């Protein structure tokens, strides 16, 4: 039987997450347009050209690794760098986006968020998504 689009893209997010270099959370993100074409991918990792957590350890502050750029931001920044529109795309992500990623996704024009793990779901992030009419769905 042919896989659904949701299953297909969520499986790709898991593969993308396997490239994460911060072992505190292996997160993958895939931005997909309405024609079911991948626009961008991103995973947790350090700023390009800098050492990664899996090489030198974590740079911790207030319980967070501050050296890591989140998967969603990496996917959005690639689009910004290359001049690719994210308006109207669907964000498939392994973990529910943190508050800062949620704000960036909304600002970038994402139409929907589909996630697998309800990891540290921020109430204000949910409020912002709801207020802005952006559906969020958890896949099993």
Foldseek 3Di string as FASTA:
>chain_A
DDDDLLVVVLVVQVVQLVPAQAVVDSKKKWKAAPVRHTPFIFTKFADPPDDTCNVPHFDDDPRDRPRIDHTLVRRVVVCVVVVHQSARIEMEMAEDDDQVSLVVCVVSHYQEYEYAHDPPPDPVSVVVCVVSVYYYYYDD
